[in-house]
């Protein structure tokens, strides 16, 4: 959520940033400022009345002590309406405050200056590329869904039988490869200084609001209505919310956390060849990395997170590219996002496998996550997160890019985890 003081002090920059994100309701900025003016005016009037009432109450007490009952009762009668006025102002303050909050949460985060203009994914900027020579497989190479059937690695039909479309069932060496990838990603994150967390996979409304899933993404989340809990779309939600409402010391920053969770997303996209197999599913596994940082160091942290994901891709021996998302494609809560895409040689297309984002103070303002600086004053932290990495597309890319006539060769970095060198 944008900070009110920033909206007021930098209105032109805020409006310009909203335009980069193709946000249409620009009048909402003026509405927010008007509501804030109303809130301040009501609060000022309420303060005056309460001050007058408190002063009068003290005076009445003095008059009674002095035996001046008539004067005391007259003064009491003259201020009898203040209590009613005070309650009316409190009701107005609550109503305006609610309207102000409702307006504020509709405003997306302001993009970083480096975010390119654009309306959607076709306008994203290639930040780093593998090169012009993409891998070419031998004739007869198969897409991952055919390889999975050939080697009995996962079963989509059984997933439909047990749950429904978009819930794959992994088995045999497929299950071991999935487990190996998760362990590998967690170990690599630990080496990079991230503390491992095993969080709940259901969260309450406050947690989903804190990281920006509510009220923006209700339609993408599975909702357990009886208990009013949400299945997480990413470990970002519970892990970042560990520090909701907390004030940490500056010396504790950066806070680096990682966690593996299954993730659940209701929106699985349209039907067709590009969503065959496990290209897009409702349930998938993911290892997430999260940082809570000093505002002056968050963009260095973003670079470090990009390097971390790059070395994972390198160790998996997968061709990839990095996109800087344009204003029309960057998320509601993000200030700057880089997407990693892996090249599927069998499908001859790029598949997104990671998003690494800096949210600046957008999430921390919602969560009231702050640090105490060297002057003992509190400031909002910056929050960042990234997939490191997301399955199932990594799983699919490994099958497709490492297939040979003899079988699917396991990258060297994974062999101590899988305990086999090839799927044959």
Protein backbone atom coordinates (compact mmCIF):
# COMPACT_ATOMS: atom_id res chain seq x y z
CA UNK A 1 0.00 0.00 0.00
CA UNK A 2 1.33 3.43 -0.92
CA UNK A 3 2.22 5.75 1.92
CA UNK A 4 -0.11 8.74 2.32
CA UNK A 5 2.76 11.11 3.01
CA UNK A 6 4.42 10.04 -0.25
CA UNK A 7 1.21 10.48 -2.25
CA UNK A 8 0.79 13.97 -0.82
CA UNK A 9 4.41 15.03 -1.24
CA UNK A 10 5.00 13.43 -4.66
CA UNK A 11 1.61 13.49 -6.34
CA UNK A 12 2.97 14.12 -9.84
CA UNK A 13 5.42 11.20 -9.57
CA UNK A 14 2.66 8.94 -8.26
CA UNK A 15 0.34 9.80 -11.16
CA UNK A 16 3.15 9.35 -13.69
CA UNK A 17 3.96 5.93 -12.19
CA UNK A 18 0.32 4.86 -12.30
CA UNK A 19 0.26 5.74 -15.99
CA UNK A 20 3.28 3.49 -16.58
CA UNK A 21 1.28 0.66 -14.97
CA UNK A 22 -1.65 1.54 -17.26
CA UNK A 23 -3.81 2.29 -14.23
CA UNK A 24 -6.99 3.95 -15.46
CA UNK A 25 -8.64 5.39 -12.36
CA UNK A 26 -6.20 8.29 -11.84
CA UNK A 27 -8.91 10.35 -10.11
CA UNK A 28 -8.48 7.96 -7.19
CA UNK A 29 -5.32 9.85 -6.20
CA UNK A 30 -7.28 13.08 -5.69
CA UNK A 31 -10.00 11.11 -3.92
CA UNK A 32 -7.43 9.72 -1.48
CA UNK A 33 -6.05 13.18 -0.74
CA UNK A 34 -9.55 14.64 -0.30
CA UNK A 35 -10.51 11.88 2.13
CA UNK A 36 -7.28 12.41 4.03
CA UNK A 37 -8.06 16.15 4.29
CA UNK A 38 -11.52 15.28 5.63
CA UNK A 39 -10.01 12.85 8.12
CA UNK A 40 -7.59 15.50 9.39
CA UNK A 41 -10.32 18.13 9.69
CA UNK A 42 -12.61 15.79 11.64
CA UNK A 43 -9.74 14.71 13.88
CA UNK A 44 -8.85 18.34 14.56
CA UNK A 45 -12.47 19.16 15.47
CA UNK A 46 -12.65 16.09 17.68
CA UNK A 47 -9.42 17.06 19.43
CA UNK A 48 -10.78 20.56 20.09
CA UNK A 49 -14.01 19.22 21.58
CA UNK A 50 -12.23 16.67 23.73
CA UNK A 51 -9.79 19.32 24.94
CA UNK A 52 -12.71 21.64 25.77
CA UNK A 53 -14.53 18.82 27.53
CA UNK A 54 -11.47 17.81 29.55
CA UNK A 55 -10.78 21.41 30.55
CA UNK A 56 -14.40 21.93 31.56
CA UNK A 57 -14.44 18.71 33.57
CA UNK A 58 -11.41 19.87 35.55
CA UNK A 59 -13.03 23.28 36.13
CA UNK A 60 -16.27 21.65 37.30
CA UNK A 61 -14.29 19.58 39.78
CA UNK A 62 -12.61 22.69 41.15
CA UNK A 63 -15.94 24.52 41.49
CA UNK A 64 -17.47 21.63 43.43
CA UNK A 65 -14.46 21.56 45.76
CA UNK A 66 -14.89 25.30 46.31
CA UNK A 67 -18.55 24.77 47.15
CA UNK A 68 -19.74 26.62 44.05
CA UNK A 69 -22.37 24.04 43.11
CA UNK A 70 -24.58 26.38 41.07
CA UNK A 71 -21.66 27.52 38.90
CA UNK A 72 -20.49 23.93 38.53
CA UNK A 73 -23.93 22.71 37.44
CA UNK A 74 -24.30 25.62 35.03
CA UNK A 75 -20.97 24.80 33.42
CA UNK A 76 -21.93 21.12 33.25
CA UNK A 77 -25.19 22.03 31.48
CA UNK A 78 -23.37 24.29 29.01
CA UNK A 79 -21.12 21.47 27.85
CA UNK A 80 -23.72 18.71 27.92
CA UNK A 81 -23.84 18.66 24.14
CA UNK A 82 -20.09 18.10 23.77
CA UNK A 83 -20.36 14.36 24.45
CA UNK A 84 -22.92 13.96 21.67
CA UNK A 85 -20.80 16.06 19.29
CA UNK A 86 -17.76 14.01 20.18
CA UNK A 87 -19.53 10.73 19.39
CA UNK A 88 -20.81 12.11 16.07
CA UNK A 89 -17.28 13.10 15.09
CA UNK A 90 -15.94 9.70 16.10
CA UNK A 91 -18.53 8.04 13.87
CA UNK A 92 -17.60 10.36 11.00
CA UNK A 93 -13.90 9.69 11.57
CA UNK A 94 -14.48 5.94 11.42
CA UNK A 95 -16.52 6.21 8.21
CA UNK A 96 -14.00 8.47 6.47
CA UNK A 97 -11.14 6.28 7.66
CA UNK A 98 -12.80 3.21 6.16
CA UNK A 99 -13.39 5.00 2.86
CA UNK A 100 -9.78 6.21 2.83
CA UNK A 101 -8.46 2.69 3.44
CA UNK A 102 -10.73 1.28 0.71
CA UNK A 103 -9.43 3.87 -1.75
CA UNK A 104 -5.77 3.38 -0.82
CA UNK A 105 -5.82 -0.39 -1.32
CA UNK A 106 -7.01 0.11 -4.90
CA UNK A 107 -3.83 1.94 -5.84
CA UNK A 108 -1.04 -0.32 -7.16
CA UNK A 109 2.60 0.15 -6.31
CA UNK A 110 4.57 2.73 -8.27
CA UNK A 111 7.05 1.16 -10.72
CA UNK A 112 10.78 1.74 -10.49
CA UNK A 113 12.21 4.23 -13.00
CA UNK A 114 13.80 1.37 -14.98
CA UNK A 115 10.45 -0.33 -15.72
CA UNK A 116 9.83 -0.08 -19.49
CA UNK A 117 6.57 1.15 -20.98
CA UNK A 118 4.23 -1.49 -22.31
CA UNK A 119 0.77 -2.99 -22.08
CA UNK A 120 1.53 -6.68 -21.60
CA UNK A 121 3.97 -9.58 -21.84
CA UNK A 122 4.77 -8.87 -25.49
CA UNK A 123 6.33 -5.56 -24.39
CA UNK A 124 8.67 -7.03 -21.77
CA UNK A 125 12.36 -6.25 -22.22
CA UNK A 126 14.98 -8.97 -22.60
CA UNK A 127 17.42 -8.09 -19.82
CA UNK A 128 19.84 -10.98 -20.33
CA UNK A 129 19.74 -13.72 -22.94
CA UNK A 130 21.25 -17.15 -23.36
CA UNK A 131 22.45 -16.30 -26.83
CA UNK A 132 21.37 -16.89 -30.37
CA UNK A 133 22.32 -20.58 -30.44
CA UNK A 134 19.46 -22.25 -28.58
CA UNK A 135 19.69 -26.00 -28.08
CA UNK A 136 18.39 -28.14 -30.93
CA UNK A 137 17.32 -31.69 -30.14
CA UNK A 138 17.71 -34.66 -32.41
CA UNK A 139 14.86 -35.73 -34.65
CA UNK A 140 12.22 -37.61 -32.73
CA UNK A 141 12.70 -35.63 -29.51
CA UNK A 142 9.58 -35.70 -27.35
CA UNK A 143 7.74 -33.13 -25.19
CA UNK A 144 7.76 -33.78 -21.47
CA UNK A 145 4.27 -35.28 -21.31
CA UNK A 146 5.31 -38.04 -23.73
CA UNK A 147 8.57 -38.59 -21.85
CA UNK A 148 6.65 -38.84 -18.59
CA UNK A 149 4.43 -41.52 -20.06
CA UNK A 150 7.39 -43.39 -21.55
CA UNK A 151 9.32 -43.47 -18.26
CA UNK A 152 6.31 -43.48 -15.88
CA UNK A 153 7.29 -40.19 -14.17
CA UNK A 154 3.97 -38.47 -13.57
CA UNK A 155 0.33 -39.24 -14.28
CA UNK A 156 -2.18 -36.53 -15.18
CA UNK A 157 -5.11 -38.93 -15.55
CA UNK A 158 -4.70 -40.23 -12.01
CA UNK A 159 -4.55 -36.61 -10.82
CA UNK A 160 -7.90 -36.00 -12.51
CA UNK A 161 -9.32 -39.15 -10.91
CA UNK A 162 -8.18 -38.17 -7.41
CA UNK A 163 -8.77 -34.40 -7.56
CA UNK A 164 -9.30 -32.84 -10.99
CA UNK A 165 -7.47 -31.29 -13.93
CA UNK A 166 -4.26 -29.48 -13.04
CA UNK A 167 -3.23 -31.74 -10.12
CA UNK A 168 -0.46 -34.05 -11.38
CA UNK A 169 0.60 -37.19 -9.53
CA UNK A 170 4.36 -37.90 -9.56
CA UNK A 171 5.66 -41.42 -9.19
CA UNK A 172 8.82 -43.52 -9.27
CA UNK A 173 11.87 -41.66 -10.52
CA UNK A 174 9.63 -38.68 -11.26
CA UNK A 175 8.78 -38.36 -7.57
CA UNK A 176 12.47 -38.75 -6.67
CA UNK A 177 13.48 -36.09 -9.17
CA UNK A 178 10.87 -33.73 -7.74
CA UNK A 179 12.13 -34.32 -4.21
CA UNK A 180 15.74 -33.96 -5.35
CA UNK A 181 15.06 -30.57 -6.93
CA UNK A 182 13.38 -29.28 -3.77
CA UNK A 183 16.28 -30.43 -1.57
CA UNK A 184 18.84 -28.97 -4.01
CA UNK A 185 17.12 -25.57 -4.10
CA UNK A 186 16.84 -25.44 -0.29
CA UNK A 187 20.49 -26.40 0.20
CA UNK A 188 21.61 -23.75 -2.30
CA UNK A 189 19.52 -21.13 -0.49
CA UNK A 190 21.03 -22.14 2.84
CA UNK A 191 24.54 -21.76 1.37
CA UNK A 192 23.54 -18.23 0.31
CA UNK A 193 22.61 -17.31 3.88
CA UNK A 194 18.86 -17.90 3.88
CA UNK A 195 17.21 -19.39 6.97
CA UNK A 196 14.88 -22.27 6.12
CA UNK A 197 11.25 -21.95 7.18
CA UNK A 198 8.50 -24.58 7.05
CA UNK A 199 5.38 -22.36 7.08
CA UNK A 200 1.65 -23.15 7.15
CA UNK A 201 0.12 -23.51 3.69
CA UNK A 202 -3.14 -21.85 4.71
CA UNK A 203 -3.23 -18.20 5.74
CA UNK A 204 -5.78 -15.79 7.14
CA UNK A 205 -7.10 -12.64 5.49
CA UNK A 206 -4.62 -10.38 7.28
CA UNK A 207 -1.67 -12.34 5.85
CA UNK A 208 -3.11 -12.39 2.32
CA UNK A 209 -3.77 -8.64 2.57
CA UNK A 210 -0.29 -7.95 3.92
CA UNK A 211 1.53 -9.25 0.85
CA UNK A 212 -1.01 -7.90 -1.65
CA UNK A 213 -2.96 -11.02 -2.63
CA UNK A 214 -6.12 -9.47 -1.19
CA UNK A 215 -8.08 -7.66 -2.41
CA UNK A 216 -6.33 -8.00 -5.82
CA UNK A 217 -6.17 -11.74 -6.45
CA UNK A 218 -9.17 -13.37 -4.75
CA UNK A 219 -10.11 -15.18 -7.95
CA UNK A 220 -6.74 -16.91 -8.14
CA UNK A 221 -6.79 -18.30 -4.59
CA UNK A 222 -8.50 -21.37 -3.16
CA UNK A 223 -10.70 -20.24 -0.28
CA UNK A 224 -11.60 -22.54 2.65
CA UNK A 225 -14.82 -20.70 3.36
CA UNK A 226 -15.86 -22.44 6.61
CA UNK A 227 -12.71 -21.25 8.38
CA UNK A 228 -12.12 -18.22 6.10
CA UNK A 229 -8.58 -19.34 5.28
CA UNK A 230 -6.76 -19.26 1.94
CA UNK A 231 -4.45 -21.88 0.40
CA UNK A 232 -1.23 -20.09 -0.41
CA UNK A 233 -0.31 -19.24 -4.02
CA UNK A 234 3.35 -18.95 -2.94
CA UNK A 235 5.45 -19.32 0.22
CA UNK A 236 6.03 -15.56 -0.04
CA UNK A 237 2.74 -15.02 1.79
CA UNK A 238 3.31 -16.87 5.09
CA UNK A 239 7.08 -16.25 5.19
CA UNK A 240 6.91 -12.47 4.66
CA UNK A 241 4.08 -12.24 7.20
CA UNK A 242 6.34 -13.63 9.91
CA UNK A 243 7.35 -9.98 10.38
CA UNK A 244 3.88 -8.45 10.11
CA UNK A 245 3.48 -5.90 12.90
CA UNK A 246 7.11 -6.29 13.99
CA UNK A 247 9.81 -3.69 14.62
CA UNK A 248 13.33 -5.06 14.15
CA UNK A 249 16.68 -3.48 14.88
CA UNK A 250 18.62 -2.09 11.91
CA UNK A 251 21.51 -4.45 12.66
CA UNK A 252 19.19 -7.44 12.02
CA UNK A 253 18.80 -6.43 8.37
CA UNK A 254 18.85 -7.99 5.88
CA UNK A 255 16.58 -10.80 7.02
CA UNK A 256 16.92 -13.68 4.53
CA UNK A 257 14.39 -16.51 4.59
CA UNK A 258 13.62 -19.47 2.36
CA UNK A 259 10.96 -22.15 2.35
CA UNK A 260 9.51 -24.98 0.32
CA UNK A 261 5.74 -25.30 -0.01
CA UNK A 262 3.18 -26.69 -2.37
CA UNK A 263 1.42 -23.75 -4.05
CA UNK A 264 -2.18 -23.51 -5.21
CA UNK A 265 -3.65 -21.31 -7.94
CA UNK A 266 -7.18 -21.58 -9.24
CA UNK A 267 -6.50 -19.75 -12.51
CA UNK A 268 -4.66 -22.20 -14.74
CA UNK A 269 -5.10 -20.36 -18.03
CA UNK A 270 -6.73 -21.29 -21.28
CA UNK A 271 -6.73 -24.67 -22.93
CA UNK A 272 -4.52 -25.64 -25.84
CA UNK A 273 -1.11 -27.03 -26.71
CA UNK A 274 0.74 -24.42 -24.64
CA UNK A 275 -0.81 -25.72 -21.41
CA UNK A 276 -0.36 -29.41 -22.12
CA UNK A 277 1.38 -31.64 -19.61
CA UNK A 278 2.57 -29.72 -16.57
CA UNK A 279 3.19 -26.40 -18.32
CA UNK A 280 0.43 -24.88 -16.19
CA UNK A 281 -1.18 -26.57 -13.20
CA UNK A 282 -3.31 -25.74 -10.16
CA UNK A 283 -0.89 -27.28 -7.65
CA UNK A 284 2.89 -27.11 -7.92
CA UNK A 285 5.95 -27.16 -5.68
CA UNK A 286 8.17 -24.14 -5.21
CA UNK A 287 11.11 -22.97 -3.15
CA UNK A 288 10.86 -19.26 -2.37
CA UNK A 289 13.50 -16.81 -1.18
CA UNK A 290 12.46 -13.70 0.78
CA UNK A 291 14.45 -10.70 1.96
CA UNK A 292 13.48 -7.91 4.33
CA UNK A 293 16.02 -5.14 3.90
CA UNK A 294 17.08 -1.59 4.62
CA UNK A 295 15.52 0.72 1.97
CA UNK A 296 18.94 1.90 0.79
CA UNK A 297 20.12 -1.66 0.15
CA UNK A 298 17.08 -3.32 -1.44
CA UNK A 299 18.18 -2.95 -5.07
CA UNK A 300 21.55 -4.51 -4.28
CA UNK A 301 19.58 -7.31 -2.62
CA UNK A 302 17.54 -7.64 -5.83
CA UNK A 303 20.74 -8.04 -7.85
CA UNK A 304 21.99 -10.67 -5.39
CA UNK A 305 18.73 -12.60 -5.73
CA UNK A 306 18.99 -12.50 -9.53
CA UNK A 307 22.51 -13.92 -9.29
CA UNK A 308 21.26 -16.65 -6.98
CA UNK A 309 18.59 -17.78 -9.43
CA UNK A 310 21.05 -17.54 -12.35
CA UNK A 311 23.49 -19.93 -10.68
CA UNK A 312 20.66 -22.39 -10.04
CA UNK A 313 19.80 -22.38 -13.73
CA UNK A 314 23.46 -22.75 -14.66
CA UNK A 315 23.91 -25.74 -12.36
CA UNK A 316 20.84 -27.38 -13.87
CA UNK A 317 22.42 -26.83 -17.31
CA UNK A 318 19.27 -25.22 -18.67
CA UNK A 319 19.08 -22.45 -21.28
CA UNK A 320 17.32 -19.39 -19.89
CA UNK A 321 16.74 -15.71 -20.36
CA UNK A 322 15.80 -12.88 -18.00
CA UNK A 323 13.02 -10.39 -18.77
CA UNK A 324 12.47 -7.01 -17.17
CA UNK A 325 8.69 -6.75 -16.96
CA UNK A 326 7.02 -3.71 -18.51
CA UNK A 327 4.55 -1.49 -16.69
CA UNK A 328 1.55 -3.37 -18.01
CA UNK A 329 2.85 -6.77 -16.91
CA UNK A 330 4.49 -6.04 -13.55
CA UNK A 331 2.25 -7.11 -10.67
CA UNK A 332 -0.05 -4.89 -8.60
CA UNK A 333 2.32 -4.89 -5.60
CA UNK A 334 5.72 -4.90 -7.31
CA UNK A 335 7.98 -1.93 -8.06
CA UNK A 336 10.34 -3.94 -10.30
CA UNK A 337 10.17 -7.57 -11.43
CA UNK A 338 12.52 -9.79 -13.42
CA UNK A 339 11.18 -13.04 -14.85
CA UNK A 340 13.35 -16.04 -15.63
CA UNK A 341 12.24 -18.13 -18.58
CA UNK A 342 13.65 -21.54 -19.44
CA UNK A 343 13.79 -22.68 -23.05
CA UNK A 344 11.89 -25.85 -23.83
CA UNK A 345 13.77 -27.38 -26.74
CA UNK A 346 11.05 -29.95 -27.41
CA UNK A 347 8.22 -27.42 -27.35
CA UNK A 348 10.40 -24.69 -28.92
CA UNK A 349 9.08 -22.05 -26.55
CA UNK A 350 10.05 -20.12 -23.44
CA UNK A 351 8.44 -21.03 -20.09
CA UNK A 352 8.45 -18.75 -17.03
CA UNK A 353 10.03 -20.45 -14.02
CA UNK A 354 10.82 -17.59 -11.64
CA UNK A 355 9.83 -14.03 -10.77
CA UNK A 356 12.17 -11.94 -8.64
CA UNK A 357 10.64 -8.71 -7.33
CA UNK A 358 11.28 -5.67 -5.15
CA UNK A 359 8.13 -4.36 -3.49
CA UNK A 360 9.91 -1.48 -1.73
CA UNK A 361 7.55 -0.34 1.10
CA UNK A 362 4.29 -1.51 -0.53
CA UNK A 363 4.01 -4.73 1.47
CA UNK A 364 5.72 -3.45 4.61
CA UNK A 365 3.26 -0.52 4.82
CA UNK A 366 0.37 -2.98 4.73
CA UNK A 367 2.05 -5.24 7.28
CA UNK A 368 3.54 -2.43 9.40
CA UNK A 369 6.95 -4.11 9.17
CA UNK A 370 9.50 -1.60 10.39
CA UNK A 371 13.05 -1.25 11.65
CA UNK A 372 14.52 1.07 14.25
CA UNK A 373 17.29 3.20 12.77
CA UNK A 374 20.40 4.57 14.47
CA UNK A 375 18.40 7.60 15.63
CA UNK A 376 15.93 5.22 17.33
CA UNK A 377 13.18 6.21 14.92
CA UNK A 378 11.16 3.63 13.02
CA UNK A 379 11.12 3.31 9.23
CA UNK A 380 9.37 0.93 6.87
CA UNK A 381 11.50 -1.93 5.57
CA UNK A 382 11.71 -2.97 1.92
CA UNK A 383 10.55 -6.50 1.05
CA UNK A 384 11.66 -8.70 -1.84
CA UNK A 385 10.99 -12.24 -2.96
CA UNK A 386 11.76 -14.64 -5.75
CA UNK A 387 11.11 -18.18 -6.94
CA UNK A 388 14.26 -20.22 -6.50
CA UNK A 389 12.86 -22.18 -8.17
CA UNK A 390 9.34 -23.10 -9.24
CA UNK A 391 8.46 -26.55 -10.38
CA UNK A 392 6.76 -28.06 -12.49
CA UNK A 393 8.19 -26.22 -15.52
CA UNK A 394 11.75 -26.81 -14.34
CA UNK A 395 10.88 -30.50 -14.13
CA UNK A 396 9.44 -30.37 -17.67
CA UNK A 397 12.46 -28.49 -19.05
CA UNK A 398 14.88 -30.98 -17.48
CA UNK A 399 13.10 -33.87 -19.18
CA UNK A 400 12.98 -32.16 -22.56
CA UNK A 401 16.42 -30.54 -22.69
CA UNK A 402 18.34 -33.48 -21.23
CA UNK A 403 16.72 -36.27 -23.23
CA UNK A 404 18.99 -38.54 -25.26
CA UNK A 405 18.41 -41.77 -27.20
CA UNK A 406 19.62 -43.62 -24.07
CA UNK A 407 17.36 -41.77 -21.63
CA UNK A 408 17.11 -38.54 -19.65
CA UNK A 409 20.50 -37.50 -18.28
CA UNK A 410 20.49 -35.99 -14.79
CA UNK A 411 22.64 -32.82 -14.39
CA UNK A 412 25.78 -33.34 -12.33
CA UNK A 413 24.58 -30.99 -9.56
CA UNK A 414 21.49 -33.16 -8.92
CA UNK A 415 23.03 -36.63 -8.92
CA UNK A 416 23.87 -36.72 -5.23
CA UNK A 417 20.20 -35.93 -4.58
CA UNK A 418 18.56 -38.29 -7.08
CA UNK A 419 21.14 -41.08 -6.53
CA UNK A 420 20.81 -42.00 -10.20
CA UNK A 421 22.51 -40.52 -13.26
CA UNK A 422 19.92 -41.28 -15.90
CA UNK A 423 16.24 -42.06 -16.29
CA UNK A 424 16.04 -44.98 -18.68
